[in-house]
Amino acid sequence: MTTIASFSRTVRVGDRALRTDSEGYLENRDEWSEDFARALAREEGLELTPEHWEVIRFLREYYQQHGVQAQVRVMVRHFTQAWDVRRGSNHHLHDLFPVGGPQKQGNRLAGLLRTKGEH
């Protein structure tokens, strides 16, 4: 029987090294901070804009209210209403989060867990 090792790494936030899994998902969600999001984004080559922060905050609030991550269609519906049809589109949300889209990269930056079905 073959087992797959669970690798972890750290993201440096100030003088702290926060543990993540091999893909950058925070192991202890209670350690999330905006500084963590900035540090991970920097590692992923992403400069966070006010639009990114709106999505990150939406993801965190949605998770707190519903206990699950928001599906992309929920994000599209929300941001189409909050912004406009072009900026709220699936395409634009994926442009904002080019390393896995808003559901993967967005959740990582928001300090949430992997979405169902991710490996």
N, C-alpha and C. Protein backbone atom coordinates (compact mmCIF):
# COMPACT_ATOMS: atom_id res chain seq x y z
N MET A 1 0.83 -1.17 0.00
CA MET A 1 0.00 0.00 0.00
C MET A 1 0.89 1.24 0.00
N THR A 2 0.61 2.17 -0.90
CA THR A 2 1.39 3.39 -1.01
C THR A 2 0.68 4.51 -0.28
N THR A 3 1.43 5.25 0.51
CA THR A 3 0.84 6.42 1.18
C THR A 3 1.48 7.67 0.61
N ILE A 4 0.67 8.70 0.55
CA ILE A 4 1.17 9.98 0.04
C ILE A 4 1.52 10.85 1.23
N ALA A 5 2.75 11.31 1.26
CA ALA A 5 3.20 12.14 2.37
C ALA A 5 2.56 13.52 2.27
N SER A 6 2.21 14.05 3.41
CA SER A 6 1.65 15.40 3.46
C SER A 6 2.81 16.35 3.76
N PHE A 7 3.20 17.10 2.76
CA PHE A 7 4.31 18.02 2.93
C PHE A 7 3.79 19.33 3.47
N SER A 8 4.61 20.00 4.24
CA SER A 8 4.22 21.32 4.69
C SER A 8 5.38 22.27 4.43
N ARG A 9 5.05 23.53 4.46
CA ARG A 9 6.06 24.56 4.28
C ARG A 9 5.66 25.70 5.19
N THR A 10 6.42 26.76 5.18
CA THR A 10 6.09 27.91 6.01
C THR A 10 6.04 29.17 5.17
N VAL A 11 5.25 30.11 5.65
CA VAL A 11 5.17 31.44 5.06
C VAL A 11 5.61 32.40 6.15
N ARG A 12 6.60 33.20 5.82
CA ARG A 12 7.16 34.15 6.79
C ARG A 12 6.24 35.36 6.89
N VAL A 13 5.75 35.64 8.11
CA VAL A 13 4.91 36.80 8.39
C VAL A 13 5.56 37.54 9.55
N GLY A 14 6.25 38.61 9.21
CA GLY A 14 7.03 39.31 10.24
C GLY A 14 8.09 38.39 10.79
N ASP A 15 8.10 38.20 12.11
CA ASP A 15 9.10 37.32 12.72
C ASP A 15 8.57 35.91 12.95
N ARG A 16 7.38 35.62 12.40
CA ARG A 16 6.76 34.30 12.57
C ARG A 16 6.81 33.51 11.27
N ALA A 17 6.92 32.19 11.42
CA ALA A 17 6.86 31.28 10.29
C ALA A 17 5.57 30.47 10.45
N LEU A 18 4.58 30.76 9.61
CA LEU A 18 3.30 30.06 9.71
C LEU A 18 3.30 28.85 8.79
N ARG A 19 2.84 27.74 9.32
CA ARG A 19 2.83 26.48 8.57
C ARG A 19 1.65 26.42 7.61
N THR A 20 1.95 25.99 6.39
CA THR A 20 0.93 25.73 5.39
C THR A 20 1.16 24.32 4.86
N ASP A 21 0.17 23.82 4.12
CA ASP A 21 0.42 22.55 3.44
C ASP A 21 1.28 22.84 2.20
N SER A 22 1.51 21.83 1.40
CA SER A 22 2.41 21.98 0.26
C SER A 22 1.91 22.98 -0.77
N GLU A 23 0.59 23.26 -0.79
CA GLU A 23 0.05 24.21 -1.76
C GLU A 23 -0.19 25.61 -1.18
N GLY A 24 0.15 25.81 0.07
CA GLY A 24 0.02 27.13 0.67
C GLY A 24 -1.23 27.37 1.48
N TYR A 25 -2.05 26.33 1.70
CA TYR A 25 -3.23 26.48 2.54
C TYR A 25 -2.79 26.48 4.00
N LEU A 26 -3.19 27.47 4.74
CA LEU A 26 -2.81 27.64 6.14
C LEU A 26 -3.27 26.44 6.95
N GLU A 27 -2.37 25.86 7.74
CA GLU A 27 -2.73 24.69 8.54
C GLU A 27 -3.61 25.06 9.72
N ASN A 28 -3.38 26.21 10.33
CA ASN A 28 -4.19 26.68 11.46
C ASN A 28 -4.89 27.96 11.04
N ARG A 29 -6.18 27.84 10.70
CA ARG A 29 -6.92 29.00 10.20
C ARG A 29 -6.96 30.16 11.19
N ASP A 30 -6.79 29.87 12.48
CA ASP A 30 -6.80 30.93 13.49
C ASP A 30 -5.58 31.84 13.37
N GLU A 31 -4.56 31.42 12.64
CA GLU A 31 -3.36 32.24 12.46
C GLU A 31 -3.47 33.21 11.29
N TRP A 32 -4.61 33.19 10.58
CA TRP A 32 -4.77 34.07 9.42
C TRP A 32 -4.73 35.53 9.84
N SER A 33 -4.12 36.35 8.99
CA SER A 33 -4.13 37.80 9.13
C SER A 33 -3.96 38.39 7.74
N GLU A 34 -4.23 39.67 7.64
CA GLU A 34 -4.00 40.33 6.35
C GLU A 34 -2.52 40.28 6.00
N ASP A 35 -1.65 40.31 7.00
CA ASP A 35 -0.21 40.19 6.73
C ASP A 35 0.12 38.83 6.13
N PHE A 36 -0.57 37.76 6.61
CA PHE A 36 -0.37 36.44 6.01
C PHE A 36 -0.76 36.48 4.53
N ALA A 37 -1.92 37.06 4.25
CA ALA A 37 -2.40 37.13 2.85
C ALA A 37 -1.39 37.88 1.99
N ARG A 38 -0.86 38.99 2.49
CA ARG A 38 0.13 39.76 1.73
C ARG A 38 1.40 38.94 1.49
N ALA A 39 1.86 38.24 2.53
CA ALA A 39 3.09 37.44 2.40
C ALA A 39 2.91 36.30 1.41
N LEU A 40 1.79 35.59 1.49
CA LEU A 40 1.54 34.49 0.56
C LEU A 40 1.36 35.02 -0.85
N ALA A 41 0.65 36.13 -1.00
CA ALA A 41 0.47 36.73 -2.33
C ALA A 41 1.82 37.09 -2.94
N ARG A 42 2.69 37.66 -2.13
CA ARG A 42 4.03 38.02 -2.61
C ARG A 42 4.75 36.77 -3.11
N GLU A 43 4.67 35.68 -2.34
CA GLU A 43 5.30 34.42 -2.77
C GLU A 43 4.71 33.91 -4.08
N GLU A 44 3.42 34.18 -4.30
CA GLU A 44 2.75 33.71 -5.51
C GLU A 44 2.81 34.73 -6.64
N GLY A 45 3.58 35.81 -6.43
CA GLY A 45 3.78 36.81 -7.48
C GLY A 45 2.57 37.69 -7.73
N LEU A 46 1.76 37.90 -6.70
CA LEU A 46 0.53 38.65 -6.84
C LEU A 46 0.56 39.88 -5.94
N GLU A 47 0.27 41.04 -6.51
CA GLU A 47 0.15 42.26 -5.71
C GLU A 47 -1.33 42.49 -5.45
N LEU A 48 -1.70 42.52 -4.17
CA LEU A 48 -3.11 42.63 -3.81
C LEU A 48 -3.62 44.05 -3.99
N THR A 49 -4.71 44.16 -4.74
CA THR A 49 -5.37 45.43 -5.00
C THR A 49 -6.65 45.49 -4.16
N PRO A 50 -7.32 46.65 -4.15
CA PRO A 50 -8.61 46.71 -3.44
C PRO A 50 -9.61 45.66 -3.93
N GLU A 51 -9.61 45.32 -5.22
CA GLU A 51 -10.50 44.26 -5.72
C GLU A 51 -10.18 42.91 -5.09
N HIS A 52 -8.89 42.60 -4.99
CA HIS A 52 -8.49 41.34 -4.35
C HIS A 52 -9.01 41.29 -2.92
N TRP A 53 -8.83 42.39 -2.19
CA TRP A 53 -9.26 42.44 -0.80
C TRP A 53 -10.77 42.27 -0.68
N GLU A 54 -11.52 42.82 -1.61
CA GLU A 54 -12.98 42.63 -1.58
C GLU A 54 -13.33 41.16 -1.71
N VAL A 55 -12.65 40.47 -2.61
CA VAL A 55 -12.92 39.05 -2.81
C VAL A 55 -12.48 38.27 -1.57
N ILE A 56 -11.31 38.54 -1.05
CA ILE A 56 -10.80 37.84 0.14
C ILE A 56 -11.76 38.03 1.31
N ARG A 57 -12.19 39.26 1.53
CA ARG A 57 -13.12 39.52 2.65
C ARG A 57 -14.46 38.84 2.42
N PHE A 58 -14.94 38.85 1.17
CA PHE A 58 -16.18 38.14 0.85
C PHE A 58 -16.04 36.66 1.17
N LEU A 59 -14.93 36.04 0.75
CA LEU A 59 -14.72 34.62 0.99
C LEU A 59 -14.72 34.30 2.48
N ARG A 60 -14.05 35.13 3.26
CA ARG A 60 -13.99 34.91 4.71
C ARG A 60 -15.37 35.07 5.35
N GLU A 61 -16.08 36.12 4.96
CA GLU A 61 -17.42 36.36 5.52
C GLU A 61 -18.39 35.26 5.11
N TYR A 62 -18.32 34.85 3.85
CA TYR A 62 -19.20 33.78 3.38
C TYR A 62 -18.95 32.51 4.19
N TYR A 63 -17.68 32.17 4.39
CA TYR A 63 -17.34 30.97 5.15
C TYR A 63 -17.85 31.08 6.59
N GLN A 64 -17.67 32.24 7.21
CA GLN A 64 -18.14 32.43 8.59
C GLN A 64 -19.66 32.28 8.69
N GLN A 65 -20.38 32.76 7.69
CA GLN A 65 -21.84 32.70 7.71
C GLN A 65 -22.40 31.33 7.35
N HIS A 66 -21.76 30.63 6.42
CA HIS A 66 -22.30 29.39 5.87
C HIS A 66 -21.54 28.12 6.25
N GLY A 67 -20.31 28.26 6.75
CA GLY A 67 -19.53 27.09 7.13
C GLY A 67 -18.94 26.32 5.97
N VAL A 68 -19.05 26.85 4.75
CA VAL A 68 -18.46 26.25 3.56
C VAL A 68 -17.88 27.36 2.69
N GLN A 69 -16.98 27.00 1.80
CA GLN A 69 -16.42 27.98 0.88
C GLN A 69 -17.46 28.33 -0.18
N ALA A 70 -17.42 29.57 -0.63
CA ALA A 70 -18.31 30.02 -1.69
C ALA A 70 -17.92 29.37 -3.01
N GLN A 71 -18.91 28.89 -3.74
CA GLN A 71 -18.66 28.37 -5.08
C GLN A 71 -18.45 29.55 -6.02
N VAL A 72 -17.78 29.29 -7.13
CA VAL A 72 -17.49 30.37 -8.09
C VAL A 72 -18.78 31.02 -8.56
N ARG A 73 -19.82 30.24 -8.80
CA ARG A 73 -21.08 30.85 -9.28
C ARG A 73 -21.66 31.81 -8.25
N VAL A 74 -21.46 31.54 -6.96
CA VAL A 74 -21.91 32.44 -5.90
C VAL A 74 -21.09 33.72 -5.95
N MET A 75 -19.78 33.58 -6.16
CA MET A 75 -18.91 34.76 -6.27
C MET A 75 -19.30 35.61 -7.47
N VAL A 76 -19.55 34.96 -8.62
CA VAL A 76 -19.93 35.68 -9.83
C VAL A 76 -21.22 36.46 -9.59
N ARG A 77 -22.20 35.81 -8.99
CA ARG A 77 -23.47 36.48 -8.72
C ARG A 77 -23.26 37.69 -7.80
N HIS A 78 -22.51 37.49 -6.74
CA HIS A 78 -22.27 38.57 -5.78
C HIS A 78 -21.53 39.74 -6.43
N PHE A 79 -20.41 39.45 -7.12
CA PHE A 79 -19.58 40.53 -7.65
C PHE A 79 -20.17 41.17 -8.91
N THR A 80 -21.02 40.46 -9.62
CA THR A 80 -21.74 41.10 -10.73
C THR A 80 -22.67 42.18 -10.17
N GLN A 81 -23.29 41.90 -9.04
CA GLN A 81 -24.15 42.89 -8.40
C GLN A 81 -23.33 43.99 -7.72
N ALA A 82 -22.25 43.61 -7.05
CA ALA A 82 -21.45 44.58 -6.31
C ALA A 82 -20.64 45.49 -7.23
N TRP A 83 -20.12 44.94 -8.33
CA TRP A 83 -19.28 45.70 -9.24
C TRP A 83 -20.04 46.00 -10.51
N ASP A 84 -19.94 45.12 -11.47
CA ASP A 84 -20.70 45.20 -12.73
C ASP A 84 -20.51 43.87 -13.44
N VAL A 85 -21.18 43.70 -14.56
CA VAL A 85 -21.18 42.41 -15.26
C VAL A 85 -19.77 42.00 -15.70
N ARG A 86 -18.98 42.93 -16.21
CA ARG A 86 -17.63 42.58 -16.68
C ARG A 86 -16.72 42.23 -15.51
N ARG A 87 -16.67 43.10 -14.51
CA ARG A 87 -15.75 42.87 -13.39
C ARG A 87 -16.19 41.71 -12.50
N GLY A 88 -17.47 41.43 -12.48
CA GLY A 88 -17.96 40.32 -11.67
C GLY A 88 -17.94 38.99 -12.39
N SER A 89 -17.48 38.98 -13.62
CA SER A 89 -17.51 37.75 -14.42
C SER A 89 -16.50 36.72 -13.93
N ASN A 90 -16.77 35.48 -14.27
CA ASN A 90 -15.87 34.38 -13.97
C ASN A 90 -14.48 34.66 -14.55
N HIS A 91 -14.45 35.17 -15.77
CA HIS A 91 -13.18 35.46 -16.44
C HIS A 91 -12.37 36.50 -15.65
N HIS A 92 -13.01 37.58 -15.24
CA HIS A 92 -12.29 38.63 -14.50
C HIS A 92 -11.82 38.12 -13.14
N LEU A 93 -12.66 37.33 -12.45
CA LEU A 93 -12.25 36.79 -11.16
C LEU A 93 -11.04 35.87 -11.31
N HIS A 94 -10.99 35.11 -12.41
CA HIS A 94 -9.82 34.26 -12.66
C HIS A 94 -8.60 35.09 -13.05
N ASP A 95 -8.82 36.22 -13.72
CA ASP A 95 -7.69 37.12 -14.01
C ASP A 95 -7.11 37.70 -12.71
N LEU A 96 -7.98 38.00 -11.76
CA LEU A 96 -7.51 38.53 -10.47
C LEU A 96 -6.67 37.51 -9.72
N PHE A 97 -7.07 36.24 -9.81
CA PHE A 97 -6.40 35.16 -9.07
C PHE A 97 -5.89 34.12 -10.08
N PRO A 98 -4.77 34.43 -10.74
CA PRO A 98 -4.29 33.58 -11.84
C PRO A 98 -3.71 32.23 -11.43
N VAL A 99 -3.45 32.03 -10.15
CA VAL A 99 -2.86 30.76 -9.70
C VAL A 99 -3.97 29.91 -9.07
N GLY A 100 -4.88 29.43 -9.90
CA GLY A 100 -5.95 28.55 -9.41
C GLY A 100 -7.31 29.20 -9.32
N GLY A 101 -7.42 30.45 -9.71
CA GLY A 101 -8.72 31.11 -9.70
C GLY A 101 -9.14 31.55 -8.30
N PRO A 102 -10.31 32.15 -8.21
CA PRO A 102 -10.75 32.68 -6.92
C PRO A 102 -11.06 31.59 -5.90
N GLN A 103 -11.41 30.41 -6.37
CA GLN A 103 -11.76 29.36 -5.43
C GLN A 103 -10.52 28.70 -4.82
N LYS A 104 -9.45 28.61 -5.56
CA LYS A 104 -8.23 28.02 -5.00
C LYS A 104 -7.32 29.11 -4.43
N GLN A 105 -6.83 30.00 -5.28
CA GLN A 105 -5.92 31.03 -4.80
C GLN A 105 -6.63 31.97 -3.82
N GLY A 106 -7.87 32.31 -4.13
CA GLY A 106 -8.63 33.17 -3.23
C GLY A 106 -8.79 32.55 -1.85
N ASN A 107 -9.14 31.27 -1.81
CA ASN A 107 -9.28 30.59 -0.52
C ASN A 107 -7.96 30.49 0.22
N ARG A 108 -6.88 30.24 -0.50
CA ARG A 108 -5.56 30.20 0.16
C ARG A 108 -5.26 31.53 0.82
N LEU A 109 -5.45 32.61 0.05
CA LEU A 109 -5.15 33.94 0.58
C LEU A 109 -6.09 34.34 1.71
N ALA A 110 -7.30 33.81 1.69
CA ALA A 110 -8.29 34.10 2.74
C ALA A 110 -8.09 33.22 3.97
N GLY A 111 -7.13 32.31 3.92
CA GLY A 111 -6.85 31.44 5.06
C GLY A 111 -7.87 30.32 5.23
N LEU A 112 -8.55 29.97 4.15
CA LEU A 112 -9.55 28.91 4.22
C LEU A 112 -8.96 27.58 3.77
N LEU A 113 -9.75 26.54 3.90
CA LEU A 113 -9.31 25.20 3.54
C LEU A 113 -9.39 24.97 2.04
N ARG A 114 -8.80 23.87 1.61
CA ARG A 114 -8.96 23.46 0.21
C ARG A 114 -10.42 23.22 -0.05
N THR A 115 -10.83 23.49 -1.28
CA THR A 115 -12.21 23.20 -1.64
C THR A 115 -12.35 21.71 -1.88
N LYS A 116 -13.56 21.23 -1.79
CA LYS A 116 -13.86 19.82 -2.00
C LYS A 116 -13.35 19.37 -3.37
N GLY A 117 -12.71 18.23 -3.42
CA GLY A 117 -12.26 17.68 -4.68
C GLY A 117 -10.85 18.08 -5.07
N GLU A 118 -10.22 19.01 -4.32
CA GLU A 118 -8.84 19.37 -4.65
C GLU A 118 -7.91 18.28 -4.15
N HIS A 119 -6.80 18.13 -4.83
CA HIS A 119 -5.81 17.11 -4.45
C HIS A 119 -4.58 17.78 -3.91
